[in-house]
N, C-alpha and C. Protein backbone atom coordinates (compact mmCIF):
# COMPACT_ATOMS: atom_id res chain seq x y z
N MET A 1 -24.45 -2.04 34.16
CA MET A 1 -24.01 -2.29 34.79
C MET A 1 -21.91 -2.61 34.18
N LYS A 2 -20.58 -2.66 35.07
CA LYS A 2 -19.74 -2.19 34.64
C LYS A 2 -19.29 -3.34 34.25
N LYS A 3 -18.71 -3.18 32.62
CA LYS A 3 -17.79 -4.76 32.64
C LYS A 3 -16.51 -4.87 33.07
N ALA A 4 -16.37 -6.34 33.16
CA ALA A 4 -15.07 -6.63 34.05
C ALA A 4 -14.08 -6.39 33.46
N PRO A 5 -12.77 -6.06 34.08
CA PRO A 5 -11.53 -5.48 33.43
C PRO A 5 -11.34 -6.45 32.01
N ALA A 6 -10.59 -6.81 31.49
CA ALA A 6 -9.90 -8.15 30.38
C ALA A 6 -8.99 -8.26 30.79
N SER A 7 -8.90 -10.00 31.64
CA SER A 7 -7.46 -10.67 31.76
C SER A 7 -6.33 -10.19 30.91
N ARG A 8 -5.30 -10.57 31.84
CA ARG A 8 -3.83 -10.14 31.17
C ARG A 8 -3.93 -11.30 29.73
N LYS A 9 -4.90 -12.43 30.22
CA LYS A 9 -4.21 -13.02 28.37
C LYS A 9 -4.86 -13.13 27.32
N SER A 10 -5.80 -12.17 27.69
CA SER A 10 -6.89 -11.14 26.38
C SER A 10 -6.57 -10.13 26.19
N ARG A 11 -5.78 -9.50 26.65
CA ARG A 11 -5.41 -8.12 26.43
C ARG A 11 -4.95 -8.45 25.37
N LYS A 12 -5.32 -7.27 24.41
CA LYS A 12 -4.67 -7.14 23.01
C LYS A 12 -2.72 -6.78 23.52
N PRO A 13 -1.98 -7.03 22.42
CA PRO A 13 -1.01 -6.91 22.30
C PRO A 13 -0.35 -5.58 21.98
N PHE A 14 0.23 -5.02 22.56
CA PHE A 14 1.07 -3.11 22.48
C PHE A 14 1.95 -3.40 21.08
N ARG A 15 1.85 -3.43 20.17
CA ARG A 15 2.59 -3.54 18.84
C ARG A 15 3.71 -2.50 18.18
N ILE A 16 4.82 -2.73 18.78
CA ILE A 16 6.09 -2.05 18.19
C ILE A 16 6.48 -2.08 16.67
N ALA A 17 7.40 -1.22 16.33
CA ALA A 17 7.89 -1.38 14.95
C ALA A 17 9.43 -0.62 15.32
N VAL A 18 10.40 -0.86 15.10
CA VAL A 18 11.54 -0.22 14.95
C VAL A 18 12.07 -0.17 13.07
N LEU A 19 11.97 1.31 13.34
CA LEU A 19 13.28 1.56 12.30
C LEU A 19 14.82 1.73 12.41
N ALA A 20 15.00 1.49 11.36
CA ALA A 20 16.78 1.37 11.45
C ALA A 20 17.48 1.34 10.34
N SER A 21 18.79 1.54 10.63
CA SER A 21 19.38 1.97 9.45
C SER A 21 20.55 0.79 9.59
N THR A 22 21.53 0.64 10.50
CA THR A 22 22.61 0.61 11.02
C THR A 22 22.55 -1.21 11.69
N ARG A 23 23.97 -1.23 12.26
CA ARG A 23 24.08 -2.50 12.41
C ARG A 23 23.06 -3.08 13.66
N GLY A 24 22.31 -2.75 14.06
CA GLY A 24 20.98 -2.82 15.02
C GLY A 24 21.72 -4.08 16.29
N THR A 25 22.94 -3.47 17.10
CA THR A 25 22.31 -3.57 18.61
C THR A 25 21.79 -3.14 19.57
N THR A 26 21.07 -1.62 19.37
CA THR A 26 20.28 -1.11 19.85
C THR A 26 18.86 -2.05 19.65
N LEU A 27 18.66 -2.58 18.36
CA LEU A 27 17.29 -3.73 18.32
C LEU A 27 17.99 -4.79 19.10
N GLN A 28 18.89 -5.41 18.79
CA GLN A 28 19.15 -6.57 19.58
C GLN A 28 18.86 -6.73 21.22
N ALA A 29 19.54 -5.79 21.81
CA ALA A 29 18.86 -5.47 23.57
C ALA A 29 17.25 -5.32 23.59
N LEU A 30 16.64 -4.62 22.71
CA LEU A 30 15.34 -5.01 22.48
C LEU A 30 14.74 -6.34 22.10
N LEU A 31 15.16 -7.27 21.26
CA LEU A 31 14.82 -8.54 21.06
C LEU A 31 15.41 -9.68 22.28
N ASP A 32 16.57 -8.82 22.83
CA ASP A 32 16.55 -10.15 24.21
C ASP A 32 16.20 -9.79 25.18
N GLU A 33 15.60 -8.67 25.15
CA GLU A 33 14.32 -8.16 26.31
C GLU A 33 12.78 -9.02 25.69
N LEU A 34 12.66 -9.00 24.73
CA LEU A 34 11.31 -9.80 24.13
C LEU A 34 11.29 -11.15 24.65
N ARG A 35 12.21 -11.47 24.18
CA ARG A 35 12.81 -13.34 24.47
C ARG A 35 12.86 -13.98 25.79
N GLY A 36 13.64 -12.75 26.27
CA GLY A 36 13.31 -13.56 27.79
C GLY A 36 11.92 -12.76 29.23
N ARG A 37 10.82 -12.58 28.19
CA ARG A 37 9.99 -12.18 28.33
C ARG A 37 9.57 -11.30 29.65
N LYS A 38 10.52 -9.99 29.10
CA LYS A 38 10.70 -9.17 30.74
C LYS A 38 10.03 -7.61 29.76
N LEU A 39 8.94 -8.05 29.23
CA LEU A 39 8.21 -7.08 28.24
C LEU A 39 7.08 -7.72 28.16
N PRO A 40 6.03 -7.69 29.27
CA PRO A 40 4.46 -8.00 29.12
C PRO A 40 4.09 -8.02 28.14
N GLY A 41 3.06 -8.24 27.26
CA GLY A 41 2.49 -6.79 26.32
C GLY A 41 2.45 -6.65 25.45
N VAL A 42 4.27 -6.74 24.94
CA VAL A 42 5.34 -6.02 23.95
C VAL A 42 4.80 -6.41 22.96
N LYS A 43 4.55 -6.55 21.90
CA LYS A 43 4.96 -7.56 20.94
C LYS A 43 6.06 -6.45 19.39
N LEU A 44 7.06 -6.84 19.18
CA LEU A 44 7.66 -6.48 18.09
C LEU A 44 7.02 -7.10 16.80
N VAL A 45 6.27 -6.01 16.08
CA VAL A 45 5.74 -6.49 14.71
C VAL A 45 5.70 -6.89 13.16
N LEU A 46 7.60 -5.56 13.32
CA LEU A 46 7.54 -5.09 11.89
C LEU A 46 9.36 -4.41 12.41
N VAL A 47 10.67 -4.93 11.24
CA VAL A 47 11.36 -3.58 11.67
C VAL A 47 12.25 -3.21 10.15
N ALA A 48 11.69 -2.26 10.31
CA ALA A 48 11.70 -1.77 8.59
C ALA A 48 13.35 -1.06 8.67
N SER A 49 13.88 -1.09 7.43
CA SER A 49 15.35 0.15 6.85
C SER A 49 14.93 0.74 5.68
N ASP A 50 15.93 1.37 5.74
CA ASP A 50 16.17 2.14 4.18
C ASP A 50 17.17 1.51 3.46
N VAL A 51 18.13 0.46 4.30
CA VAL A 51 18.92 -0.17 3.94
C VAL A 51 19.08 -1.31 4.13
N GLU A 52 19.30 -2.33 2.45
CA GLU A 52 18.83 -3.30 2.00
C GLU A 52 19.62 -4.35 3.29
N ASP A 53 20.94 -4.22 3.27
CA ASP A 53 21.67 -5.32 4.12
C ASP A 53 21.82 -5.03 5.18
N CYS A 54 20.96 -3.97 5.94
CA CYS A 54 21.74 -3.40 7.00
C CYS A 54 21.45 -4.97 8.22
N GLY A 55 22.38 -4.40 9.12
CA GLY A 55 23.04 -5.33 10.63
C GLY A 55 21.16 -5.63 10.99
N ALA A 56 20.88 -4.77 10.73
CA ALA A 56 18.94 -4.37 11.84
C ALA A 56 18.33 -5.67 11.43
N LEU A 57 17.89 -5.48 10.21
CA LEU A 57 17.64 -6.42 9.37
C LEU A 57 17.97 -8.09 9.87
N LYS A 58 19.06 -8.12 9.23
CA LYS A 58 19.26 -9.85 9.61
C LYS A 58 19.60 -10.11 11.19
N ARG A 59 19.42 -9.64 12.53
CA ARG A 59 18.85 -9.30 13.23
C ARG A 59 17.65 -10.45 13.99
N ALA A 60 16.77 -9.59 12.73
CA ALA A 60 14.88 -8.92 13.34
C ALA A 60 14.63 -10.93 12.16
N LYS A 61 15.92 -10.78 10.99
CA LYS A 61 15.18 -12.23 10.35
C LYS A 61 15.71 -13.44 11.18
N GLU A 62 16.72 -13.34 11.54
CA GLU A 62 16.97 -13.98 12.62
C GLU A 62 15.92 -14.76 13.73
N ALA A 63 15.79 -14.33 14.22
CA ALA A 63 14.90 -13.70 15.46
C ALA A 63 12.89 -14.22 15.12
N GLY A 64 12.77 -13.94 13.84
CA GLY A 64 11.57 -14.65 13.42
C GLY A 64 10.97 -13.31 13.36
N VAL A 65 11.20 -12.06 13.30
CA VAL A 65 10.21 -10.85 12.94
C VAL A 65 9.81 -10.29 11.93
N GLU A 66 9.38 -10.09 11.45
CA GLU A 66 8.67 -9.70 10.01
C GLU A 66 9.29 -8.61 9.65
N THR A 67 10.04 -8.13 8.58
CA THR A 67 11.43 -6.96 7.55
C THR A 67 10.66 -6.58 6.65
N ALA A 68 11.00 -5.33 6.31
CA ALA A 68 10.93 -4.38 5.15
C ALA A 68 11.83 -3.57 5.12
N TRP A 69 12.34 -3.55 3.35
CA TRP A 69 12.95 -3.02 2.95
C TRP A 69 13.01 -1.57 2.31
N ILE A 70 12.58 -1.01 2.24
CA ILE A 70 11.96 0.16 1.42
C ILE A 70 13.18 1.18 0.68
N ASP A 71 13.74 1.08 -0.53
CA ASP A 71 14.61 1.59 -1.14
C ASP A 71 14.01 3.29 -1.36
N PRO A 72 15.03 3.66 -1.37
CA PRO A 72 14.70 5.03 -0.85
C PRO A 72 15.40 6.00 -2.24
N LYS A 73 15.97 5.11 -3.63
CA LYS A 73 16.03 5.24 -4.88
C LYS A 73 15.04 6.29 -5.53
N GLU A 74 15.32 7.23 -6.07
CA GLU A 74 14.55 8.00 -6.36
C GLU A 74 13.25 8.06 -6.09
N LYS A 75 13.31 8.69 -4.98
CA LYS A 75 12.07 8.50 -3.78
C LYS A 75 12.24 9.70 -3.09
N THR A 76 11.42 10.82 -2.99
CA THR A 76 11.30 11.72 -2.07
C THR A 76 11.04 11.46 -0.96
N ARG A 77 11.44 12.75 -0.13
CA ARG A 77 11.05 12.28 1.51
C ARG A 77 10.03 11.41 1.71
N GLU A 78 8.75 12.36 1.08
CA GLU A 78 7.37 11.80 0.89
C GLU A 78 6.93 10.98 0.46
N GLU A 79 7.42 10.32 -0.57
CA GLU A 79 7.27 9.30 -1.36
C GLU A 79 7.58 8.07 -0.34
N PHE A 80 9.40 8.33 0.15
CA PHE A 80 9.72 7.62 0.99
C PHE A 80 8.54 6.99 2.30
N ASP A 81 8.02 7.78 2.69
CA ASP A 81 7.76 7.81 3.64
C ASP A 81 6.17 7.29 3.61
N ALA A 82 5.58 7.63 2.37
CA ALA A 82 4.25 6.88 1.93
C ALA A 82 4.40 5.55 1.90
N ALA A 83 5.19 5.51 1.50
CA ALA A 83 5.59 3.64 1.42
C ALA A 83 6.09 2.82 2.33
N LEU A 84 6.53 3.88 3.76
CA LEU A 84 6.92 3.24 5.04
C LEU A 84 5.59 3.41 5.72
N ARG A 85 4.67 4.36 5.19
CA ARG A 85 3.54 4.25 6.11
C ARG A 85 2.16 2.66 5.75
N GLU A 86 2.76 2.38 4.08
CA GLU A 86 1.72 1.27 4.01
C GLU A 86 2.45 0.40 4.32
N ARG A 87 3.46 0.12 4.71
CA ARG A 87 4.65 -1.29 5.46
C ARG A 87 3.99 -1.44 6.69
N LEU A 88 3.58 0.37 7.70
CA LEU A 88 3.28 -0.19 8.76
C LEU A 88 1.63 -0.29 9.22
N LYS A 89 0.97 -0.19 8.27
CA LYS A 89 -0.28 -0.16 8.45
C LYS A 89 -0.82 -1.54 8.15
N ALA A 90 -0.25 -2.44 6.96
CA ALA A 90 0.00 -3.65 6.61
C ALA A 90 0.58 -4.79 8.31
N ALA A 91 1.58 -3.96 9.06
CA ALA A 91 2.41 -5.08 9.80
C ALA A 91 1.45 -5.51 10.39
N SER A 92 1.44 -6.64 11.33
CA SER A 92 0.56 -7.79 11.68
C SER A 92 -0.51 -7.84 11.54
N GLY A 93 -0.50 -8.57 9.92
CA GLY A 93 -1.88 -8.76 9.54
C GLY A 93 -3.08 -7.99 9.91
N GLY A 94 -2.11 -6.58 9.10
CA GLY A 94 -3.33 -5.34 8.73
C GLY A 94 -3.70 -4.97 9.74
N LYS A 95 -3.43 -4.81 11.09
CA LYS A 95 -3.46 -4.09 12.35
C LYS A 95 -2.29 -3.29 12.62
N GLY A 96 -2.22 -2.72 12.00
CA GLY A 96 -1.03 -1.83 12.17
C GLY A 96 -0.03 -1.72 13.65
N VAL A 97 0.53 -0.63 13.85
CA VAL A 97 1.49 -0.26 15.19
C VAL A 97 0.71 0.32 15.86
N ASP A 98 1.38 0.39 17.41
CA ASP A 98 0.66 1.19 18.56
C ASP A 98 1.91 2.51 18.55
N LEU A 99 2.54 1.43 18.24
CA LEU A 99 4.28 2.76 18.50
C LEU A 99 5.71 1.97 17.41
N ILE A 100 6.07 3.57 17.12
CA ILE A 100 7.14 3.09 16.20
C ILE A 100 8.67 3.57 17.27
N CYS A 101 9.73 2.87 17.11
CA CYS A 101 11.09 3.23 18.21
C CYS A 101 12.13 3.75 16.86
N LEU A 102 12.87 4.95 16.35
CA LEU A 102 13.81 5.07 15.68
C LEU A 102 15.00 5.07 16.43
N MET A 103 15.54 3.22 16.06
CA MET A 103 16.85 2.48 16.37
C MET A 103 17.61 2.75 15.25
N GLY A 104 18.79 4.34 14.94
CA GLY A 104 19.75 3.98 14.79
C GLY A 104 19.17 3.93 12.81
N PHE A 105 18.01 5.32 12.92
CA PHE A 105 17.55 5.43 11.78
C PHE A 105 18.37 6.29 10.79
N MET A 106 19.05 6.48 9.97
CA MET A 106 19.29 7.70 9.18
C MET A 106 18.85 8.94 8.24
N ARG A 107 17.53 8.64 8.82
CA ARG A 107 16.38 9.12 8.05
C ARG A 107 15.97 10.49 8.68
N ILE A 108 15.49 11.41 7.90
CA ILE A 108 14.82 12.62 8.48
C ILE A 108 13.35 12.21 7.98
N LEU A 109 12.28 11.75 9.28
CA LEU A 109 11.01 12.40 8.56
C LEU A 109 10.54 13.03 8.15
N SER A 110 9.42 13.00 7.22
CA SER A 110 8.63 14.05 7.13
C SER A 110 7.48 14.34 8.22
N ALA A 111 7.16 16.15 7.90
CA ALA A 111 6.31 16.59 8.35
C ALA A 111 5.35 15.70 8.62
N GLY A 112 4.36 15.35 7.44
CA GLY A 112 3.30 14.78 7.53
C GLY A 112 2.99 12.96 8.20
N PHE A 113 4.32 12.47 7.93
CA PHE A 113 4.33 10.91 8.51
C PHE A 113 4.61 11.33 10.48
N VAL A 114 5.28 12.59 10.50
CA VAL A 114 4.99 12.91 11.90
C VAL A 114 4.14 13.12 12.80
N ARG A 115 3.45 13.92 12.04
CA ARG A 115 2.00 14.30 12.80
C ARG A 115 0.67 12.93 12.64
N ARG A 116 1.26 12.23 11.55
CA ARG A 116 0.12 10.64 11.17
C ARG A 116 0.52 9.99 12.58
N TYR A 117 1.35 10.19 13.13
CA TYR A 117 1.78 9.39 14.38
C TYR A 117 2.37 9.98 15.25
N ARG A 118 1.68 11.37 15.55
CA ARG A 118 1.62 11.84 16.94
C ARG A 118 2.13 11.50 18.34
N HIS A 119 3.02 11.65 18.99
CA HIS A 119 3.22 11.22 20.24
C HIS A 119 3.32 9.42 20.02
N ARG A 120 3.86 9.36 19.10
CA ARG A 120 3.23 7.73 19.20
C ARG A 120 5.00 7.02 18.16
N ILE A 121 6.35 7.94 18.25
CA ILE A 121 7.49 8.02 17.65
C ILE A 121 8.14 8.14 18.66
N LEU A 122 9.43 6.97 19.14
CA LEU A 122 10.35 7.08 20.13
C LEU A 122 11.70 7.25 19.52
N ASN A 123 12.53 7.79 19.54
CA ASN A 123 14.09 7.72 19.20
C ASN A 123 15.01 7.30 20.40
N VAL A 124 15.78 6.59 20.25
CA VAL A 124 16.97 6.53 20.86
C VAL A 124 17.99 6.99 20.19
N HIS A 125 18.55 8.01 21.10
CA HIS A 125 20.09 8.50 20.82
C HIS A 125 21.00 8.02 21.36
N PRO A 126 22.14 7.88 20.29
CA PRO A 126 23.20 7.27 21.77
C PRO A 126 24.62 8.26 22.45
N ALA A 127 23.68 9.29 22.75
CA ALA A 127 24.07 9.97 23.76
C ALA A 127 23.39 10.43 24.59
N LEU A 128 24.10 11.68 25.96
CA LEU A 128 23.06 12.28 26.75
C LEU A 128 22.63 13.90 25.73
N LEU A 129 21.65 13.77 25.78
CA LEU A 129 21.41 14.93 24.63
C LEU A 129 21.08 15.95 26.32
N PRO A 130 21.37 17.55 26.12
CA PRO A 130 21.21 17.89 25.14
C PRO A 130 22.79 18.16 24.14
N LYS A 131 23.82 17.03 24.84
CA LYS A 131 24.91 17.40 24.68
C LYS A 131 25.52 16.50 23.45
N TYR A 132 26.05 16.42 22.20
CA TYR A 132 26.05 14.93 21.39
C TYR A 132 25.42 14.83 20.32
N GLY A 133 24.28 15.99 20.45
CA GLY A 133 22.79 15.95 19.27
C GLY A 133 22.78 17.25 18.30
N GLY A 134 21.89 16.91 17.88
CA GLY A 134 21.44 17.94 16.15
C GLY A 134 22.28 17.29 14.97
N LYS A 135 22.46 18.37 14.13
CA LYS A 135 22.72 17.86 12.60
C LYS A 135 24.16 17.55 12.89
N GLY A 136 24.90 16.39 11.72
CA GLY A 136 25.67 15.96 12.08
C GLY A 136 25.97 14.69 13.34
N PHE A 137 25.59 14.98 13.96
CA PHE A 137 26.11 13.51 15.26
C PHE A 137 24.76 12.72 15.09
N LEU A 138 25.85 11.61 13.83
CA LEU A 138 24.52 10.33 13.79
C LEU A 138 25.57 9.08 13.77
N GLY A 139 25.33 8.06 13.80
CA GLY A 139 26.12 7.47 13.91
C GLY A 139 26.98 6.90 14.77
N ASP A 140 28.55 6.35 14.23
CA ASP A 140 29.64 6.57 15.06
C ASP A 140 30.11 8.21 15.14
N LYS A 141 30.01 8.76 14.38
CA LYS A 141 30.20 10.15 14.73
C LYS A 141 30.01 10.56 16.15
N VAL A 142 28.38 9.97 16.62
CA VAL A 142 28.45 10.16 18.29
C VAL A 142 29.67 10.00 18.93
N HIS A 143 29.43 8.94 19.16
CA HIS A 143 30.85 8.66 19.71
C HIS A 143 32.02 8.81 20.38
N GLU A 144 32.68 9.09 18.15
CA GLU A 144 33.63 9.95 17.76
C GLU A 144 33.90 11.44 18.80
N ALA A 145 32.79 12.22 18.90
CA ALA A 145 32.48 12.99 19.87
C ALA A 145 32.77 13.08 21.48
N VAL A 146 32.11 11.97 21.92
CA VAL A 146 32.31 11.80 22.54
C VAL A 146 33.24 11.67 23.28
N LEU A 147 34.32 10.71 22.58
CA LEU A 147 35.80 10.00 22.90
C LEU A 147 36.59 11.38 23.13
N ALA A 148 36.07 12.31 21.57
CA ALA A 148 37.33 13.42 21.69
C ALA A 148 36.89 14.50 23.33
N SER A 149 36.26 14.45 23.29
CA SER A 149 35.58 14.82 24.47
C SER A 149 36.64 15.30 25.47
N GLY A 150 36.88 13.43 26.04
CA GLY A 150 37.29 12.83 27.09
C GLY A 150 36.31 12.80 27.93
N ASP A 151 35.13 13.20 27.98
CA ASP A 151 33.93 12.76 28.90
C ASP A 151 34.15 11.06 29.80
N LYS A 152 33.96 11.23 30.74
CA LYS A 152 33.75 9.81 31.45
C LYS A 152 32.56 9.05 31.90
N THR A 153 31.48 9.79 30.93
CA THR A 153 30.43 9.41 31.53
C THR A 153 29.59 9.13 30.26
N THR A 154 28.90 8.62 30.12
CA THR A 154 28.18 8.69 28.61
C THR A 154 27.02 7.47 28.67
N GLY A 155 26.19 7.56 27.66
CA GLY A 155 24.56 6.69 27.67
C GLY A 155 23.91 7.19 26.88
N MET A 156 22.67 7.65 26.54
CA MET A 156 22.03 7.40 25.54
C MET A 156 20.68 8.02 26.16
N THR A 157 19.20 8.64 25.06
CA THR A 157 18.64 9.26 25.88
C THR A 157 17.50 8.76 25.12
N ILE A 158 16.36 8.40 25.30
CA ILE A 158 15.45 7.92 25.05
C ILE A 158 14.08 9.47 24.71
N HIS A 159 13.52 9.55 23.66
CA HIS A 159 12.85 11.25 24.02
C HIS A 159 12.09 10.76 22.52
N LEU A 160 10.91 11.49 22.62
CA LEU A 160 9.47 11.82 21.74
C LEU A 160 10.08 12.23 20.39
N TRP A 161 9.85 11.77 19.19
CA TRP A 161 10.24 12.61 17.71
C TRP A 161 9.08 13.37 17.35
N MET A 162 9.13 14.86 17.29
CA MET A 162 7.76 15.50 16.87
C MET A 162 8.76 16.10 15.94
N LYS A 163 7.48 16.34 14.75
CA LYS A 163 7.76 17.46 13.99
C LYS A 163 9.54 17.13 13.11
N GLY A 164 10.41 15.74 13.04
CA GLY A 164 11.56 15.87 12.62
C GLY A 164 12.50 16.73 13.61
N ALA A 165 12.02 17.07 14.82
CA ALA A 165 13.57 17.21 15.60
C ALA A 165 13.41 16.87 17.01
N ILE A 166 14.75 16.85 17.63
CA ILE A 166 14.04 16.34 19.32
C ILE A 166 13.08 17.37 20.26
N ARG A 167 12.41 16.89 20.44
CA ARG A 167 11.52 17.55 21.88
C ARG A 167 11.61 16.65 23.02
N VAL A 168 11.46 17.76 24.23
CA VAL A 168 11.16 17.15 25.33
C VAL A 168 9.92 16.36 25.59
N PRO A 169 9.42 15.57 26.18
CA PRO A 169 10.28 15.18 27.21
C PRO A 169 10.85 14.20 26.64
N SER A 170 11.76 13.59 27.52
CA SER A 170 13.10 12.58 27.64
C SER A 170 12.39 11.71 28.53
N PHE A 171 11.95 10.49 28.33
CA PHE A 171 11.54 9.41 29.33
C PHE A 171 12.63 8.83 29.94
N THR A 172 13.92 8.99 29.75
CA THR A 172 14.72 8.40 30.58
C THR A 172 16.65 8.39 30.09
N LYS A 173 17.72 8.39 30.66
CA LYS A 173 18.67 9.06 30.27
C LYS A 173 19.66 7.48 30.56
N PRO A 174 19.86 6.49 30.24
CA PRO A 174 20.84 5.39 30.90
C PRO A 174 22.13 6.22 30.92
N ARG A 175 22.91 5.91 32.12
CA ARG A 175 24.13 6.44 32.30
C ARG A 175 25.16 5.54 32.35
N CYS A 176 26.31 5.46 31.93
CA CYS A 176 27.40 4.41 32.16
C CYS A 176 28.72 4.98 32.37
N ARG A 177 29.93 4.30 32.89
CA ARG A 177 31.42 5.02 32.84
C ARG A 177 31.92 4.47 31.84
N TRP A 178 33.10 5.04 31.49
CA TRP A 178 33.43 4.27 30.40
C TRP A 178 34.98 4.31 30.00
N SER A 179 36.25 3.51 29.42
CA SER A 179 37.62 4.06 29.67
C SER A 179 37.95 3.08 28.32
N MET A 180 38.93 3.70 27.62
CA MET A 180 39.34 3.88 26.51
C MET A 180 40.31 2.04 26.45
N ALA A 181 40.53 2.19 27.91
CA ALA A 181 41.20 0.92 28.34
C ALA A 181 40.33 0.11 27.61
N GLN A 182 38.96 -0.35 28.14
CA GLN A 182 38.16 -1.70 28.18
C GLN A 182 38.10 -1.96 26.84
N THR A 183 38.41 -1.43 25.66
CA THR A 183 38.37 -2.44 24.47
C THR A 183 39.21 -1.40 23.30
N GLU A 184 39.27 -2.55 22.38
CA GLU A 184 40.52 -2.24 21.51
C GLU A 184 39.83 -0.89 20.31
N ASN A 185 38.45 -1.10 20.12
CA ASN A 185 38.20 -0.35 19.33
C ASN A 185 36.72 0.51 20.04
N PRO A 186 36.43 0.89 20.43
CA PRO A 186 34.90 1.05 21.66
C PRO A 186 34.37 1.85 20.81
N LEU A 187 34.18 2.35 19.29
CA LEU A 187 33.29 2.33 18.53
C LEU A 187 32.25 1.61 17.82
N ILE A 188 33.66 -0.07 18.06
CA ILE A 188 32.36 -1.03 17.68
C ILE A 188 31.80 -2.02 18.82
N ARG A 189 33.09 -1.71 19.68
CA ARG A 189 32.84 -2.67 20.23
C ARG A 189 31.62 -2.04 21.77
N TRP A 190 31.71 -0.84 21.96
CA TRP A 190 31.28 -0.08 23.47
C TRP A 190 29.62 -0.35 23.22
N LYS A 191 29.24 -0.74 24.27
CA LYS A 191 27.68 -1.15 24.55
C LYS A 191 26.81 -0.08 25.49
N PRO A 192 26.50 0.82 25.14
CA PRO A 192 26.08 1.42 26.53
C PRO A 192 25.28 0.96 27.39
N CYS A 193 25.29 0.84 28.75
CA CYS A 193 24.53 0.52 29.41
C CYS A 193 23.74 -0.43 29.32
N ALA A 194 24.17 -1.87 28.45
CA ALA A 194 24.15 -2.74 27.88
C ALA A 194 22.57 -2.03 26.31
N GLY A 195 22.82 -1.03 26.76
CA GLY A 195 21.27 -0.91 25.33
C GLY A 195 19.67 -1.10 25.93
N LYS A 196 19.91 -1.86 27.24
CA LYS A 196 18.69 -1.52 27.62
C LYS A 196 17.56 -0.63 27.98
N PHE A 197 16.35 -1.01 28.29
CA PHE A 197 15.61 0.58 28.63
C PHE A 197 14.77 -0.18 29.03
N LYS A 198 13.31 0.47 29.87
CA LYS A 198 11.93 0.57 29.65
C LYS A 198 11.17 1.85 29.60
N CYS A 199 10.32 2.12 29.28
CA CYS A 199 9.43 3.53 28.64
C CYS A 199 8.29 3.16 30.07
N SER A 200 8.31 4.30 30.42
CA SER A 200 7.18 4.73 31.89
C SER A 200 5.93 4.45 31.23
N LYS A 201 5.49 3.81 31.87
CA LYS A 201 3.58 3.65 31.28
C LYS A 201 2.91 4.74 31.46
N LYS A 202 3.57 6.65 32.22
CA LYS A 202 3.22 7.46 32.25
C LYS A 202 3.75 8.07 31.52
N SER A 203 4.06 7.65 30.12
CA SER A 203 4.76 8.17 28.58
C SER A 203 3.54 9.53 27.29
N GLY A 204 2.64 8.54 28.31
CA GLY A 204 1.32 9.23 27.06
C GLY A 204 1.21 8.60 26.79
N ILE A 205 1.80 7.71 26.00
CA ILE A 205 1.47 7.27 25.04
C ILE A 205 0.20 6.25 24.95
N ARG A 206 -0.95 6.30 23.65
CA ARG A 206 -1.93 5.88 24.00
C ARG A 206 -1.60 5.32 22.68
N ARG A 207 -2.48 3.65 22.78
CA ARG A 207 -2.95 2.63 21.18
C ARG A 207 -4.06 3.88 20.36
């Protein structure tokens, strides 16, 4: 006899962790979606950073989300990633995480770490790849490059992170038009597409 499918209430939450090093504006968009109950079944169980006083950790603490700061000083990349893995394994009372989202995370993950979480790491890049991506395109440098180019359309790319490099598929590329006249300091106040996104259930990511 086949077992009856679990009810929506009894299903285990899809646990995600966010790695961030910067202001946390994209994280805030995710927090807003969760607070508005627009991502049913999804639970943010950890926000971790290599920067002790970054805005992302502050936003997570204010939202009541577990946080972790991992001091990168005197650690090799592998040692840092090992410490990060321990925090991820301990998240949600030792239940771990199903998905890791990189949202302004300014470190390159080791090949071993990426293999450990194969097909379970998403990166959010603040531009429309393949333009404005690759070495040196981090943080405000991405937006500075878009401004300098004169492009009228920009946005973000959400893609799998594999072996420390960008690979297809890209799940979504939200776009928006912008103008220098809209803000005095677009590098601080610009919010591409409100930073909101949803990942397709057909992405192939499994628990």
